[in-house]
Amino acid sequence: MYIGMISGTSVDGIDAALVDFSGLTPKLMAHHSEAIPNDLKTAALTFHTSGENELDRLGSADVQLGKLFAQAAHNLLKKANIKSSEIVAIGSHGQNIRHRPTGEFPFTLQIGDPNIIAELTNITTVADFRRRDIAAGGQGAPFAPLFHNEVLRSNTNNRAIVNIGGISNVSLLALDNSVVLGFDTGPGNGLLDAWIKKHKNKNYDQEGAWAVTGIVDTELLENLLADPYFKKAAPKSTGREYFNLTWLNNYLSTQDPTDVQATLVELTAQTIIDAVKKQGFENGELVICGGGTHNQYLMQRLATLAPEFSVLKTDDLGIPADWIEAMLFAWLAKQTMEHIKVDTRSITGAKNPVILGGIYLKN
């Protein structure tokens, strides 16, 4: 068995999944979410933009998150009544703090020291997955299409698997078994969470209840949709460094906050559907996973904008929507431990298949 762990863009908590790969399909045996203290969450979020005394703050946050990831693994094993000796490895994504996949010297950086995780759990830990992909000429993201292709491909329908986290990404699994395509479509929950935090001091808009009371500002939406990222060809990836409140404020004047929230839901939904259709998917199944599945208003907008698609959740296909991303990193750790190269050429633009991640051995 393997453990997969990730802290998402919102930095709300660490998702940890215990996964059994002994059968034909991965089986989620147990799961656990470890809350991130507010002071550490605030510290992590500051790294998405440049600031003072970054190295010292970075080192401190790296250690604190490493300890918290280790605690998440301990609590998961306790919940499952499983000994650490039964785990082959932990796959830890860590906490993304800076993602710059373009430019003269592309880089990506995730923290949550894997040395500490391996030391405190005495479980071999695989981490730092994204930098090897960038070293091979890729974007370093998204990796979800690799796992989606492994466990969610259909023999009867085209499937577009959409992961709506802080950022949304799509995996296009064509019925004809053509090359798997995947990329970040743009904002997911990140802008919605940031906007309601600013105006309502809530961490998220439960079920989209605030957004549904607003009216979409068509002029604002048109301006947002004109951003160059949405027109950029794949492979492409993005993050909170780009789509944040500073980005949004560049487009705002005196709009009502509720209407802005409704417009952000429409932006997320439209950019997802536009991305799918631009890649030639005209019908089939739109399968949603990630935190966005809990935003009923967003789910309704996706269904309305794409009536030719059947809109499902990965739960309907046997993979829990809330835990699929943590399961992904358990699966990636398994590939690394078995020295299996993964082919991200059609997804991230890497020049060749590579073994992702570094291995931090247990004692």
Protein backbone atom coordinates (compact mmCIF):
# COMPACT_ATOMS: atom_id res chain seq x y z
CA MET A 1 0.00 0.00 0.00
CA TYR A 2 0.98 3.61 -0.59
CA ILE A 3 0.07 6.96 0.93
CA GLY A 4 -0.52 10.03 -1.22
CA MET A 5 -0.57 13.53 0.27
CA ILE A 6 -1.16 17.02 -1.07
CA SER A 7 -1.99 20.47 0.19
CA GLY A 8 -3.93 22.34 -2.47
CA THR A 9 -3.89 25.91 -3.73
CA SER A 10 -6.27 27.11 -1.01
CA VAL A 11 -3.88 25.86 1.74
CA ASP A 12 -6.85 24.78 3.87
CA GLY A 13 -5.50 21.37 4.78
CA ILE A 14 -3.41 18.36 3.85
CA ASP A 15 -5.31 15.56 2.14
CA ALA A 16 -3.88 12.12 2.83
CA ALA A 17 -5.06 8.93 1.11
CA LEU A 18 -4.17 5.31 1.81
CA VAL A 19 -4.33 3.40 -1.48
CA ASP A 20 -4.15 -0.31 -2.25
CA PHE A 21 -2.84 -1.05 -5.75
CA SER A 22 -2.99 -4.84 -5.52
CA GLY A 23 -6.20 -5.12 -7.57
CA LEU A 24 -7.06 -4.18 -11.13
CA THR A 25 -8.04 -0.68 -10.02
CA PRO A 26 -6.68 1.40 -7.13
CA LYS A 27 -8.73 1.12 -3.96
CA LEU A 28 -9.00 3.95 -1.44
CA MET A 29 -8.62 2.24 1.93
CA ALA A 30 -8.75 5.30 4.19
CA HIS A 31 -8.43 9.05 4.04
CA HIS A 32 -7.66 11.91 6.38
CA SER A 33 -7.56 15.69 6.17
CA GLU A 34 -5.10 17.51 8.43
CA ALA A 35 -6.01 21.14 9.09
CA ILE A 36 -3.32 23.74 8.50
CA PRO A 37 -3.10 26.35 11.28
CA ASN A 38 -4.08 29.85 10.19
CA ASP A 39 -0.65 31.35 10.85
CA LEU A 40 1.05 28.71 8.69
CA LYS A 41 -1.59 29.08 5.99
CA THR A 42 -1.01 32.83 5.92
CA ALA A 43 2.74 32.30 5.76
CA ALA A 44 2.43 29.86 2.86
CA LEU A 45 0.16 32.16 0.89
CA THR A 46 2.63 35.04 1.10
CA PHE A 47 5.14 33.13 -1.04
CA HIS A 48 3.01 33.41 -4.16
CA THR A 49 4.37 36.94 -4.54
CA SER A 50 7.78 38.36 -3.70
CA GLY A 51 8.36 39.72 -0.21
CA GLU A 52 10.96 40.57 2.41
CA ASN A 53 13.15 38.07 4.26
CA GLU A 54 11.87 35.26 2.06
CA LEU A 55 14.64 32.74 2.68
CA ASP A 56 14.22 32.62 6.45
CA ARG A 57 10.44 32.54 6.20
CA LEU A 58 10.66 29.87 3.51
CA GLY A 59 12.94 27.67 5.59
CA SER A 60 10.66 27.93 8.61
CA ALA A 61 7.51 27.14 6.62
CA ASP A 62 9.25 24.23 4.88
CA VAL A 63 10.04 22.60 8.24
CA GLN A 64 6.65 23.33 9.78
CA LEU A 65 4.81 21.88 6.80
CA GLY A 66 7.12 18.86 6.74
CA LYS A 67 6.15 18.11 10.33
CA LEU A 68 2.47 18.64 9.55
CA PHE A 69 2.62 16.28 6.55
CA ALA A 70 4.24 13.67 8.78
CA GLN A 71 1.47 14.18 11.33
CA ALA A 72 -1.13 13.73 8.60
CA ALA A 73 0.44 10.39 7.66
CA HIS A 74 0.48 9.28 11.31
CA ASN A 75 -3.18 10.20 11.77
CA LEU A 76 -4.14 8.41 8.56
CA LEU A 77 -2.42 5.20 9.66
CA LYS A 78 -4.02 5.44 13.08
CA LYS A 79 -7.45 5.87 11.53
CA ALA A 80 -6.86 2.87 9.25
CA ASN A 81 -5.24 0.79 12.02
CA ILE A 82 -2.29 0.14 9.71
CA LYS A 83 1.37 -0.10 10.73
CA SER A 84 3.94 2.07 8.99
CA SER A 85 5.84 -1.08 8.02
CA GLU A 86 2.94 -2.02 5.71
CA ILE A 87 3.44 1.10 3.59
CA VAL A 88 5.82 0.89 0.63
CA ALA A 89 6.17 4.67 0.31
CA ILE A 90 4.55 8.04 0.79
CA GLY A 91 4.06 10.23 -2.26
CA SER A 92 4.05 13.85 -1.09
CA HIS A 93 3.26 16.72 -3.42
CA GLY A 94 3.86 19.23 -0.66
CA GLN A 95 2.57 22.79 -0.78
CA ASN A 96 3.07 24.68 -4.01
CA ILE A 97 4.39 28.17 -3.35
CA ARG A 98 5.77 29.36 -6.70
CA HIS A 99 5.18 28.03 -10.21
CA ARG A 100 6.99 29.77 -13.09
CA PRO A 101 7.00 27.26 -15.95
CA THR A 102 7.91 29.77 -18.67
CA GLY A 103 10.75 32.20 -19.22
CA GLU A 104 14.49 31.81 -19.64
CA PHE A 105 14.87 29.75 -16.46
CA PRO A 106 11.56 27.96 -15.72
CA PHE A 107 11.10 26.66 -12.19
CA THR A 108 8.55 25.37 -9.72
CA LEU A 109 8.83 25.06 -5.95
CA GLN A 110 6.87 23.03 -3.41
CA ILE A 111 7.63 22.93 0.30
CA GLY A 112 6.99 20.47 3.14
CA ASP A 113 10.44 18.96 3.69
CA PRO A 114 10.36 15.26 2.63
CA ASN A 115 13.45 14.58 4.77
CA ILE A 116 11.32 15.38 7.82
CA ILE A 117 8.41 13.26 6.57
CA ALA A 118 10.68 10.24 6.04
CA GLU A 119 12.41 10.76 9.39
CA LEU A 120 9.28 11.21 11.50
CA THR A 121 7.25 8.44 9.86
CA ASN A 122 10.09 6.02 9.10
CA ILE A 123 8.43 5.51 5.71
CA THR A 124 10.29 6.00 2.44
CA THR A 125 9.01 9.25 0.96
CA VAL A 126 8.85 10.29 -2.69
CA ALA A 127 8.57 14.03 -3.34
CA ASP A 128 9.62 16.92 -5.58
CA PHE A 129 7.79 15.47 -8.58
CA ARG A 130 7.35 18.63 -10.62
CA ARG A 131 10.94 19.82 -11.00
CA ARG A 132 12.04 16.71 -12.90
CA ASP A 133 9.34 17.35 -15.49
CA ILE A 134 10.51 20.94 -15.89
CA ALA A 135 14.09 19.67 -16.20
CA ALA A 136 12.85 17.55 -19.12
CA GLY A 137 11.39 20.63 -20.79
CA GLY A 138 7.85 20.27 -19.47
CA GLN A 139 5.52 22.64 -17.63
CA GLY A 140 5.70 20.63 -14.40
CA ALA A 141 1.90 20.44 -14.38
CA PRO A 142 -0.71 19.07 -14.55
CA PHE A 143 -0.02 15.46 -13.61
CA ALA A 144 -3.65 14.49 -12.99
CA PRO A 145 -4.20 13.37 -16.63
CA LEU A 146 -1.70 10.54 -16.09
CA PHE A 147 -3.82 9.03 -13.33
CA HIS A 148 -7.11 9.88 -14.99
CA ASN A 149 -6.01 7.97 -18.08
CA GLU A 150 -5.01 5.02 -15.91
CA VAL A 151 -8.29 4.67 -14.02
CA LEU A 152 -11.06 6.65 -15.75
CA ARG A 153 -10.80 5.96 -19.49
CA SER A 154 -14.06 4.80 -21.07
CA ASN A 155 -14.58 2.15 -23.75
CA THR A 156 -17.85 3.73 -24.86
CA ASN A 157 -17.56 7.52 -24.57
CA ASN A 158 -15.21 10.44 -24.93
CA ARG A 159 -14.42 11.62 -21.43
CA ALA A 160 -13.19 15.00 -20.27
CA ILE A 161 -12.05 14.71 -16.64
CA VAL A 162 -12.10 18.11 -14.98
CA ASN A 163 -10.33 18.64 -11.66
CA ILE A 164 -11.57 21.85 -10.04
CA GLY A 165 -9.22 22.80 -7.24
CA GLY A 166 -7.79 26.27 -6.74
CA ILE A 167 -6.91 26.02 -10.42
CA SER A 168 -8.92 23.92 -12.89
CA ASN A 169 -7.30 21.35 -15.14
CA VAL A 170 -8.72 19.05 -17.77
CA SER A 171 -7.78 15.57 -19.02
CA LEU A 172 -9.12 14.71 -22.47
CA LEU A 173 -9.54 10.96 -22.92
CA ALA A 174 -10.75 10.29 -26.45
CA LEU A 175 -12.67 7.14 -27.26
CA ASP A 176 -10.29 6.41 -30.14
CA ASN A 177 -7.38 6.03 -27.66
CA SER A 178 -5.54 8.92 -29.26
CA VAL A 179 -2.88 10.82 -27.33
CA VAL A 180 -3.96 11.97 -23.86
CA LEU A 181 -4.18 15.74 -23.62
CA GLY A 182 -4.25 17.71 -20.41
CA PHE A 183 -3.62 21.25 -19.22
CA ASP A 184 -4.71 23.92 -16.75
CA THR A 185 -7.77 25.74 -18.05
CA GLY A 186 -7.51 28.65 -15.60
CA PRO A 187 -9.18 29.57 -12.30
CA GLY A 188 -11.10 27.06 -10.25
CA ASN A 189 -12.03 27.69 -6.63
CA GLY A 190 -9.06 29.96 -5.92
CA LEU A 191 -10.55 33.29 -6.98
CA LEU A 192 -13.96 32.37 -5.57
CA ASP A 193 -12.44 31.55 -2.18
CA ALA A 194 -10.27 34.68 -2.12
CA TRP A 195 -13.17 36.96 -3.07
CA ILE A 196 -15.60 35.64 -0.45
CA LYS A 197 -12.82 35.73 2.16
CA LYS A 198 -12.28 39.39 1.40
CA HIS A 199 -15.95 40.39 1.51
CA LYS A 200 -17.59 37.85 3.84
CA ASN A 201 -14.61 36.54 5.83
CA LYS A 202 -15.59 33.01 4.82
CA ASN A 203 -13.11 30.44 3.53
CA TYR A 204 -15.38 29.36 0.68
CA ASP A 205 -18.80 29.94 -0.85
CA GLN A 206 -20.70 26.89 0.39
CA GLU A 207 -22.60 25.29 -2.49
CA GLY A 208 -22.24 28.59 -4.40
CA ALA A 209 -25.00 30.07 -2.23
CA TRP A 210 -23.58 33.61 -2.39
CA ALA A 211 -22.74 33.54 -6.09
CA VAL A 212 -26.20 32.34 -7.10
CA THR A 213 -27.74 35.51 -5.62
CA GLY A 214 -25.65 37.72 -7.92
CA ILE A 215 -26.01 38.72 -11.56
CA VAL A 216 -23.24 37.97 -14.04
CA ASP A 217 -21.58 41.20 -15.18
CA THR A 218 -21.27 40.50 -18.90
CA GLU A 219 -18.83 43.33 -19.54
CA LEU A 220 -16.54 42.20 -16.72
CA LEU A 221 -16.80 38.59 -17.90
CA GLU A 222 -15.86 39.58 -21.45
CA ASN A 223 -12.82 41.47 -20.18
CA LEU A 224 -11.71 38.56 -17.99
CA LEU A 225 -12.12 36.09 -20.85
CA ALA A 226 -9.88 38.29 -23.01
CA ASP A 227 -6.88 37.47 -20.80
CA PRO A 228 -4.06 36.02 -22.95
CA TYR A 229 -3.82 32.83 -20.87
CA PHE A 230 -7.17 31.56 -22.15
CA LYS A 231 -6.05 31.94 -25.76
CA LYS A 232 -2.68 30.31 -25.18
CA ALA A 233 -2.23 26.90 -26.76
CA ALA A 234 -1.48 23.82 -24.65
CA PRO A 235 0.70 22.64 -23.04
CA LYS A 236 0.16 25.27 -20.40
CA SER A 237 -0.09 25.51 -16.64
CA THR A 238 -0.77 28.27 -14.18
CA GLY A 239 -1.35 28.97 -10.49
CA ARG A 240 -2.21 31.45 -7.77
CA GLU A 241 0.84 33.47 -8.82
CA TYR A 242 -1.15 34.53 -11.87
CA PHE A 243 -4.86 34.17 -11.08
CA ASN A 244 -5.22 36.05 -7.81
CA LEU A 245 -7.00 39.12 -6.41
CA THR A 246 -4.31 41.42 -7.82
CA TRP A 247 -5.08 40.02 -11.28
CA LEU A 248 -8.81 40.43 -10.69
CA ASN A 249 -8.52 43.99 -9.38
CA ASN A 250 -6.98 45.06 -12.66
CA TYR A 251 -10.41 44.51 -14.23
CA LEU A 252 -12.66 45.91 -11.50
CA SER A 253 -14.21 49.34 -11.13
CA THR A 254 -17.27 49.67 -8.89
CA GLN A 255 -18.93 46.30 -9.39
CA ASP A 256 -21.16 44.85 -6.68
CA PRO A 257 -19.20 42.14 -4.80
CA THR A 258 -22.03 39.62 -5.15
CA ASP A 259 -22.15 40.15 -8.91
CA VAL A 260 -18.38 39.69 -9.08
CA GLN A 261 -18.72 36.31 -7.33
CA ALA A 262 -21.38 35.24 -9.83
CA THR A 263 -19.14 36.41 -12.66
CA LEU A 264 -16.19 34.42 -11.32
CA VAL A 265 -18.31 31.26 -11.30
CA GLU A 266 -19.22 31.95 -14.92
CA LEU A 267 -15.55 32.56 -15.76
CA THR A 268 -14.55 29.19 -14.27
CA ALA A 269 -17.37 27.34 -16.03
CA GLN A 270 -16.91 28.98 -19.42
CA THR A 271 -13.15 28.56 -19.54
CA ILE A 272 -13.52 24.86 -18.71
CA ILE A 273 -16.15 24.25 -21.39
CA ASP A 274 -14.32 26.39 -23.96
CA ALA A 275 -11.11 24.46 -23.35
CA VAL A 276 -12.84 21.10 -23.84
CA LYS A 277 -14.62 22.13 -27.03
CA LYS A 278 -11.55 23.79 -28.57
CA GLN A 279 -9.82 20.41 -28.40
CA GLY A 280 -12.51 18.83 -30.57
CA PHE A 281 -14.65 17.21 -27.87
CA GLU A 282 -18.20 17.88 -29.02
CA ASN A 283 -20.03 15.35 -26.85
CA GLY A 284 -19.46 12.61 -24.32
CA GLU A 285 -19.02 12.73 -20.57
CA LEU A 286 -17.81 15.65 -18.50
CA VAL A 287 -16.54 14.07 -15.27
CA ILE A 288 -15.82 16.46 -12.41
CA CYS A 289 -13.60 15.97 -9.37
CA GLY A 290 -12.00 18.17 -6.74
CA GLY A 291 -13.51 20.68 -4.35
CA GLY A 292 -15.51 22.30 -7.14
CA THR A 293 -17.94 19.39 -7.06
CA HIS A 294 -19.39 20.87 -3.85
CA ASN A 295 -20.29 24.16 -5.56
CA GLN A 296 -23.77 23.29 -6.80
CA TYR A 297 -24.12 26.56 -8.70
CA LEU A 298 -20.87 25.92 -10.58
CA MET A 299 -21.98 22.37 -11.39
CA GLN A 300 -25.29 23.72 -12.71
CA ARG A 301 -23.51 26.23 -14.92
CA LEU A 302 -21.27 23.53 -16.38
CA ALA A 303 -24.30 21.42 -17.25
CA THR A 304 -26.11 24.39 -18.79
CA LEU A 305 -23.14 25.47 -20.89
CA ALA A 306 -22.54 21.94 -22.20
CA PRO A 307 -25.94 20.28 -22.73
CA GLU A 308 -24.40 17.85 -25.21
CA PHE A 309 -22.32 16.33 -22.41
CA SER A 310 -23.42 14.12 -19.53
CA VAL A 311 -22.08 15.79 -16.38
CA LEU A 312 -20.91 13.31 -13.73
CA LYS A 313 -18.67 13.19 -10.72
CA THR A 314 -15.78 10.76 -10.43
CA ASP A 315 -17.70 9.27 -7.49
CA ASP A 316 -20.12 7.91 -10.09
CA LEU A 317 -17.18 5.99 -11.58
CA GLY A 318 -15.86 4.63 -8.29
CA ILE A 319 -13.15 7.22 -7.55
CA PRO A 320 -14.00 9.68 -4.73
CA ALA A 321 -13.92 13.23 -6.09
CA ASP A 322 -12.46 14.68 -2.90
CA TRP A 323 -9.56 12.24 -2.74
CA ILE A 324 -8.53 11.59 -6.33
CA GLU A 325 -5.67 14.10 -6.22
CA ALA A 326 -4.15 12.55 -3.09
CA MET A 327 -4.56 9.15 -4.76
CA LEU A 328 -2.66 10.52 -7.77
CA PHE A 329 0.43 11.13 -5.67
CA ALA A 330 0.24 7.66 -4.15
CA TRP A 331 0.17 6.34 -7.73
CA LEU A 332 3.07 8.56 -8.79
CA ALA A 333 5.10 7.33 -5.82
CA LYS A 334 4.44 3.77 -6.96
CA GLN A 335 5.71 4.57 -10.46
CA THR A 336 8.86 6.14 -9.01
CA MET A 337 9.55 3.27 -6.62
CA GLU A 338 9.16 0.79 -9.49
CA HIS A 339 11.44 2.88 -11.73
CA ILE A 340 8.66 3.43 -14.28
CA LYS A 341 8.99 6.41 -16.60
CA VAL A 342 5.82 8.42 -17.11
CA ASP A 343 5.08 10.03 -20.44
CA THR A 344 3.97 13.63 -20.05
CA ARG A 345 4.98 14.77 -23.54
CA SER A 346 1.42 15.42 -24.71
CA ILE A 347 0.41 16.94 -21.38
CA THR A 348 3.24 19.12 -20.07
CA GLY A 349 5.38 19.28 -23.20
CA ALA A 350 8.30 17.34 -21.72
CA LYS A 351 10.83 16.23 -24.33
CA ASN A 352 10.91 12.62 -23.16
CA PRO A 353 9.37 10.25 -20.58
CA VAL A 354 11.01 10.52 -17.15
CA ILE A 355 10.97 9.01 -13.67
CA LEU A 356 9.41 11.73 -11.55
CA GLY A 357 10.36 12.62 -8.01
CA GLY A 358 13.20 12.11 -5.58
CA ILE A 359 13.30 9.20 -3.11
CA TYR A 360 14.01 9.85 0.58
CA LEU A 361 14.68 6.47 2.15
CA LYS A 362 13.49 5.38 5.55
CA ASN A 363 16.08 4.39 8.14
